[in-house]
Each structure stands twice: as structure tokens, then as C-alpha cells.
Amino acid sequence: MSIEQTLNRFSKIAVILWLVAAVQSLLAVFGIFGVMQTNQERIIFGIVELMTMLLVIINAIAIMRYVAQQQSSLAFLLSRLCLYSLILCFFGDIVNRNFIQQFYEYDDVIKHSYLAASVIFFFPGYLIIAAAISYLATLKGLSKGFMITSALITTTIALYTYNDMHITGSSSLLTIITASYSVLVSILAVSAIWLLKALSWRQVPIRIWLAALGLILAMVADAIIGQFWIFGNHGQGYFPIVSHINWIIYLGSQVLIQQLPLGILQLKIAQQPVEAT
């Protein structure tokens, strides 16, 4: 099997896993799965979601093992970092399933405040990806001044939009956690620009563009959580429908970010004939 065929196989697996997650969530949205009718159904549904994410992790492991054999240290580094990020996010997903049904954890205002507890895992998970993109961009010669300036502008916008959705009376701890995380995922989204700009935009393979889209969708997924699940409906949240919509976007972002090491490997292969001349 050629390298291109192998890369396509990994990408096809990612698409299939996203479709599985999307179909499952859509069936729940339209009431075909009675997710909230009994506690047992809720738990089973959550376990199936987590199993889908486990398959995404297994695909990431397979990608890492394959990339390790292709003599591309950068692609291998990124494949490992993507895997570590996925694993951390997976633990965050477990927290978000709220199997123990713990509400109003931080105060009497925000019902689904357990979502903030998952930041313990999502924050370092996404920080790994943001740091990886920063390293890649710096390695490729992108101006640090440009990255710092864009990050500061993004931070300002993130805090402004966060303040707009924040509910007065929320605990200080919850506010600090969610505000900090809003800034991080916003910088993660702007790192998509760093990635594309560092790799010369139109010269990059489609997988790099897809990875950049995944970075943006990660922010969108968390923006939905903040606006409609944590602070929505006066702190009650629009649950469970928003969780299903979020899962479609979130898992899509994860399988797209997973394309990054494949895209870097593909880029190196495409440049090899040029380097040889």
C-alpha cells in the first residue's frame, strides 16, 4: 500500500467515526433515542459516545505508529502531541457525561457547573495543541510578534464576548475557570491562521486546511457549551439538545485536528523531489 493510500485510509476512518457520532446525536435530537427517559438510558448513551471517542484515540495511535516509520521527526512529534491532547480531552469528556448527576457544584446559579470541572483536562489538552502550532509556526519562520499581537487581540475579544454571556452571581472560581478557558480556545482558533500562514497558505495540502478548520471548530464547540449549556437559560442550560449539537461539532474538530501530522508528512513527501534537485 502506498503512503498516499495509507493516509487516505486514516482520513476515511476519521470520517466514518464522525458520521457515527453525528448519526447517534441526531437520533437523540429527534427523539429516536430516549436519552433522558431513564437513568440507565442516559448512562448507556454516554458510554457509547465515549466508546466512539476511544476509537478516535485508537486511530490516533495508529497514525502515530505509522508516522514514526516515515522519517519525519516533525510529523512524529505532532502525532504524539495530538494523541496526548486527545487522551486528556477524553477524560474531560468523561466528566462532561456527569454520570453521578452532580449539579450546582460551584454555586446556586449554574446548574451544569460540572462542565467547568472538565477544564482540568481540556485546558492542558488544548494547550498542547496551541503550543504545538506555535512551535511549528516559529520553526517555519512566522513572526513571533505577529503571533503575540494576534493572541492579544484575540484575548481581548474573547474576554469581551465572555463578559456578554456571563451571569452575574456566578461564583468567582467558576468565572475564573471559564473565562481563562474561553481565552485559550480562542487562541487555539487563531492558531489556525498561524498554521496556514507559516506553511504558505495555498501551497499546503487539504489536510492542513482541514486541521485548521478543526482548530476553529474546537472553539465553536466550546462557545456553544458556554453560551447555551453553562450560562444559557438563566444558568439552567438548554440540556440535552445542546449537548448533542456540541458533540457533533466537537468530535468533528478532534478528527480534523488529527489530520495535522498526516498533512505535515504529506507536505514533506511532496517537497522531497524538490530537495533532491
Protein backbone atom coordinates (compact mmCIF):
# COMPACT_ATOMS: atom_id res chain seq x y z
CA MET A 1 0.00 0.00 0.00
CA SER A 2 1.38 3.42 -0.98
CA ILE A 3 1.85 6.25 1.51
CA GLU A 4 -0.99 8.22 -0.06
CA GLN A 5 -3.34 5.24 0.21
CA THR A 6 -2.42 4.78 3.87
CA LEU A 7 -3.01 8.46 4.61
CA ASN A 8 -6.38 8.25 2.87
CA ARG A 9 -7.28 5.20 4.96
CA PHE A 10 -6.64 7.10 8.18
CA SER A 11 -8.72 10.01 6.90
CA LYS A 12 -11.58 7.72 5.87
CA ILE A 13 -11.63 6.14 9.32
CA ALA A 14 -11.87 9.62 10.84
CA VAL A 15 -14.82 10.48 8.59
CA ILE A 16 -16.61 7.24 9.47
CA LEU A 17 -16.16 7.86 13.21
CA TRP A 18 -17.54 11.39 12.84
CA LEU A 19 -20.54 10.07 10.91
CA VAL A 20 -21.21 7.51 13.64
CA ALA A 21 -21.15 10.27 16.27
CA ALA A 22 -23.31 12.57 14.14
CA VAL A 23 -25.95 9.90 13.47
CA GLN A 24 -26.09 8.95 17.14
CA SER A 25 -26.55 12.58 18.20
CA LEU A 26 -29.12 13.35 15.52
CA LEU A 27 -31.16 10.31 16.51
CA ALA A 28 -31.17 11.67 20.06
CA VAL A 29 -32.09 15.19 18.89
CA PHE A 30 -35.12 13.85 17.02
CA GLY A 31 -36.21 11.69 19.95
CA ILE A 32 -35.50 8.31 18.39
CA PHE A 33 -33.20 7.60 21.33
CA GLY A 34 -34.94 8.36 24.61
CA VAL A 35 -31.74 9.55 26.24
CA MET A 36 -33.32 11.31 29.21
CA GLN A 37 -36.24 8.98 29.88
CA THR A 38 -34.36 6.77 32.34
CA ASN A 39 -31.04 6.99 34.14
CA GLN A 40 -29.93 3.73 32.52
CA GLU A 41 -30.55 5.08 29.01
CA ARG A 42 -28.61 8.24 29.84
CA ILE A 43 -25.62 6.22 31.05
CA ILE A 44 -25.67 3.84 28.07
CA PHE A 45 -25.84 6.77 25.66
CA GLY A 46 -22.89 8.44 27.36
CA ILE A 47 -20.85 5.23 27.28
CA VAL A 48 -21.50 4.83 23.54
CA GLU A 49 -20.28 8.40 22.99
CA LEU A 50 -17.12 7.67 24.97
CA MET A 51 -16.53 4.46 23.02
CA THR A 52 -16.64 6.49 19.81
CA MET A 53 -14.01 8.80 21.25
CA LEU A 54 -11.91 5.78 22.23
CA LEU A 55 -11.95 4.68 18.59
CA VAL A 56 -10.72 8.14 17.61
CA ILE A 57 -7.85 7.68 20.08
CA ILE A 58 -7.05 4.25 18.63
CA ASN A 59 -6.92 5.85 15.18
CA ALA A 60 -4.54 8.48 16.58
CA ILE A 61 -2.30 5.73 17.97
CA ALA A 62 -2.25 4.03 14.56
CA ILE A 63 -1.37 7.34 12.93
CA MET A 64 1.47 7.90 15.38
CA ARG A 65 2.91 4.43 14.81
CA TYR A 66 2.76 4.84 11.04
CA VAL A 67 4.26 8.33 11.04
CA ALA A 68 7.10 7.08 13.28
CA GLN A 69 8.24 4.86 10.38
CA GLN A 70 8.33 7.67 7.79
CA GLN A 71 11.46 9.56 8.90
CA SER A 72 9.69 12.84 9.60
CA SER A 73 10.56 13.98 13.12
CA LEU A 74 8.18 16.95 12.94
CA ALA A 75 5.21 14.86 11.83
CA PHE A 76 6.01 12.27 14.51
CA LEU A 77 6.20 14.96 17.21
CA LEU A 78 2.85 16.38 16.14
CA SER A 79 1.26 12.92 16.03
CA ARG A 80 2.35 12.30 19.63
CA LEU A 81 1.12 15.69 20.81
CA CYS A 82 -2.24 15.17 19.08
CA LEU A 83 -2.53 11.81 20.82
CA TYR A 84 -1.70 13.27 24.25
CA SER A 85 -4.25 16.04 23.67
CA LEU A 86 -6.92 13.52 22.69
CA ILE A 87 -6.34 11.43 25.79
CA LEU A 88 -6.63 14.45 28.08
CA CYS A 89 -9.79 15.58 26.31
CA PHE A 90 -11.21 12.08 26.67
CA PHE A 91 -11.02 12.39 30.45
CA GLY A 92 -12.76 15.74 30.11
CA ASP A 93 -15.48 14.00 28.09
CA ILE A 94 -15.99 11.56 30.96
CA VAL A 95 -16.53 14.46 33.36
CA ASN A 96 -18.98 16.08 30.95
CA ARG A 97 -21.13 12.95 30.83
CA ASN A 98 -21.95 13.70 34.51
CA PHE A 99 -22.65 10.07 35.32
CA ILE A 100 -23.02 10.83 39.03
CA GLN A 101 -25.56 13.61 38.34
CA GLN A 102 -23.84 16.32 40.33
CA PHE A 103 -25.34 19.79 39.79
CA TYR A 104 -24.71 23.30 41.18
CA GLU A 105 -21.18 22.29 42.10
CA TYR A 106 -19.81 25.83 42.37
CA ASP A 107 -22.84 27.91 43.32
CA ASP A 108 -26.64 28.04 43.24
CA VAL A 109 -26.77 29.82 39.88
CA ILE A 110 -25.16 27.50 37.32
CA LYS A 111 -26.79 24.07 37.19
CA HIS A 112 -24.33 22.37 34.84
CA SER A 113 -21.22 23.78 36.51
CA TYR A 114 -19.61 20.30 36.43
CA LEU A 115 -18.64 21.29 32.89
CA ALA A 116 -16.11 23.70 34.37
CA ALA A 117 -14.50 20.78 36.23
CA SER A 118 -13.69 19.15 32.89
CA VAL A 119 -11.45 22.14 32.12
CA ILE A 120 -8.87 20.39 34.32
CA PHE A 121 -8.37 18.08 31.34
CA PHE A 122 -9.44 20.17 28.35
CA PHE A 123 -7.20 23.13 29.23
CA PRO A 124 -3.89 21.21 29.11
CA GLY A 125 -5.23 19.14 26.21
CA TYR A 126 -5.84 22.17 24.02
CA LEU A 127 -2.80 23.98 25.38
CA ILE A 128 -0.68 21.16 23.98
CA ILE A 129 -2.13 21.74 20.51
CA ALA A 130 -1.76 25.53 20.72
CA ALA A 131 1.86 25.11 21.82
CA ALA A 132 2.50 22.62 19.02
CA ILE A 133 1.15 25.05 16.41
CA SER A 134 3.23 27.87 17.92
CA TYR A 135 6.35 25.68 17.72
CA LEU A 136 5.61 24.68 14.14
CA ALA A 137 4.92 28.27 13.09
CA THR A 138 8.11 29.53 14.74
CA LEU A 139 10.09 26.71 13.14
CA LYS A 140 8.77 27.75 9.73
CA GLY A 141 9.75 31.38 10.28
CA LEU A 142 6.47 33.01 11.26
CA SER A 143 7.00 36.25 13.16
CA LYS A 144 6.66 35.90 16.93
CA GLY A 145 5.46 39.48 17.01
CA PHE A 146 2.59 38.58 14.70
CA MET A 147 1.61 35.63 16.88
CA ILE A 148 1.79 37.64 20.12
CA THR A 149 -0.18 40.55 18.66
CA SER A 150 -2.90 38.32 17.22
CA ALA A 151 -3.08 36.39 20.51
CA LEU A 152 -3.52 39.63 22.49
CA ILE A 153 -6.25 40.88 20.14
CA THR A 154 -7.96 37.50 20.36
CA THR A 155 -7.74 37.55 24.17
CA THR A 156 -9.42 40.97 24.27
CA ILE A 157 -12.25 39.82 22.02
CA ALA A 158 -12.65 36.56 23.96
CA LEU A 159 -12.96 38.35 27.30
CA TYR A 160 -15.45 40.84 25.84
CA THR A 161 -17.70 38.10 24.44
CA TYR A 162 -17.32 36.10 27.65
CA ASN A 163 -18.47 39.07 29.71
CA ASP A 164 -21.51 39.37 27.46
CA MET A 165 -22.71 35.82 28.22
CA HIS A 166 -21.58 35.65 31.86
CA ILE A 167 -24.30 35.59 34.51
CA THR A 168 -23.96 37.92 37.49
CA GLY A 169 -23.86 35.92 40.70
CA SER A 170 -21.77 33.07 39.34
CA SER A 171 -19.01 32.06 41.72
CA SER A 172 -15.57 33.63 41.35
CA LEU A 173 -13.93 30.23 40.85
CA LEU A 174 -16.33 29.27 38.06
CA THR A 175 -15.80 32.65 36.44
CA ILE A 176 -12.01 32.39 36.54
CA ILE A 177 -12.04 28.85 35.15
CA THR A 178 -14.47 29.50 32.31
CA ALA A 179 -13.01 32.91 31.38
CA SER A 180 -9.47 31.51 31.21
CA TYR A 181 -10.64 28.60 29.12
CA SER A 182 -12.51 30.95 26.76
CA VAL A 183 -9.27 32.79 26.14
CA LEU A 184 -7.38 29.54 25.47
CA VAL A 185 -9.84 28.12 22.94
CA SER A 186 -9.98 31.48 21.19
CA ILE A 187 -6.19 31.49 20.85
CA LEU A 188 -6.45 27.89 19.64
CA ALA A 189 -8.75 29.11 16.88
CA VAL A 190 -6.42 31.94 15.84
CA SER A 191 -3.57 29.43 15.72
CA ALA A 192 -5.28 28.15 12.57
CA ILE A 193 -4.10 31.36 10.91
CA TRP A 194 -0.58 30.82 12.28
CA LEU A 195 -0.57 27.31 10.85
CA LEU A 196 -1.70 28.29 7.38
CA LYS A 197 0.42 31.43 7.21
CA ALA A 198 3.55 29.59 8.37
CA LEU A 199 3.07 26.94 5.70
CA SER A 200 2.38 29.43 2.90
CA TRP A 201 -1.41 29.10 2.61
CA ARG A 202 -2.13 27.83 -0.90
CA GLN A 203 0.87 25.54 -1.01
CA VAL A 204 -0.37 23.31 1.80
CA PRO A 205 -2.32 20.07 1.25
CA ILE A 206 -6.02 19.90 2.03
CA ARG A 207 -5.30 18.03 5.26
CA ILE A 208 -3.62 21.12 6.69
CA TRP A 209 -6.68 23.20 5.82
CA LEU A 210 -8.86 20.58 7.49
CA ALA A 211 -6.69 20.66 10.61
CA ALA A 212 -7.02 24.46 10.67
CA LEU A 213 -10.79 24.07 10.39
CA GLY A 214 -10.65 21.65 13.32
CA LEU A 215 -8.90 24.28 15.45
CA ILE A 216 -11.70 26.74 14.73
CA LEU A 217 -14.44 24.17 15.34
CA ALA A 218 -12.91 23.38 18.74
CA MET A 219 -13.57 26.99 19.70
CA VAL A 220 -17.10 26.85 18.23
CA ALA A 221 -17.90 23.70 20.20
CA ASP A 222 -16.80 25.29 23.47
CA ALA A 223 -18.55 28.55 22.64
CA ILE A 224 -21.78 26.56 22.31
CA ILE A 225 -21.15 24.98 25.71
CA GLY A 226 -20.58 28.34 27.33
CA GLN A 227 -23.45 30.19 25.68
CA PHE A 228 -26.13 27.52 25.79
CA TRP A 229 -25.10 24.80 28.24
CA ILE A 230 -23.40 26.64 31.11
CA PHE A 231 -24.83 30.15 31.04
CA GLY A 232 -27.85 29.57 28.78
CA ASN A 233 -31.45 29.66 30.00
CA HIS A 234 -30.52 31.74 33.07
CA GLY A 235 -27.98 29.17 34.23
CA GLN A 236 -30.26 26.16 33.70
CA GLY A 237 -28.82 25.32 30.28
CA TYR A 238 -30.60 24.01 27.21
CA PHE A 239 -29.93 20.38 28.01
CA PRO A 240 -29.78 17.78 26.49
CA ILE A 241 -30.23 19.14 22.95
CA VAL A 242 -27.22 21.43 23.16
CA SER A 243 -25.03 18.53 24.28
CA HIS A 244 -25.93 16.58 21.12
CA ILE A 245 -25.20 19.52 18.83
CA ASN A 246 -21.96 20.17 20.66
CA TRP A 247 -20.87 16.54 20.34
CA ILE A 248 -21.22 16.60 16.54
CA ILE A 249 -19.06 19.72 16.26
CA TYR A 250 -16.61 18.71 18.98
CA LEU A 251 -15.87 15.23 17.64
CA GLY A 252 -15.59 16.71 14.16
CA SER A 253 -12.96 19.14 15.45
CA GLN A 254 -10.99 16.31 17.01
CA VAL A 255 -10.84 14.13 13.91
CA LEU A 256 -9.89 17.17 11.81
CA ILE A 257 -7.05 18.21 14.14
CA GLN A 258 -5.91 14.59 13.90
CA GLN A 259 -5.14 15.26 10.21
CA LEU A 260 -2.32 17.67 11.12
CA PRO A 261 0.57 15.16 11.36
CA LEU A 262 -0.71 13.46 8.20
CA GLY A 263 -0.70 16.80 6.41
CA ILE A 264 2.84 17.60 7.58
CA LEU A 265 4.01 14.18 6.39
CA GLN A 266 2.25 14.69 3.07
CA LEU A 267 3.90 18.09 2.70
CA LYS A 268 7.34 16.65 3.33
CA ILE A 269 6.79 13.89 0.77
CA ALA A 270 5.66 16.44 -1.80
CA GLN A 271 8.83 18.50 -1.21
CA GLN A 272 11.28 15.62 -1.44
CA PRO A 273 11.78 15.76 -5.25
CA VAL A 274 12.50 19.48 -4.95
CA GLU A 275 15.05 18.88 -2.21
CA ALA A 276 16.76 16.22 -4.30
CA THR A 277 17.43 18.53 -7.27
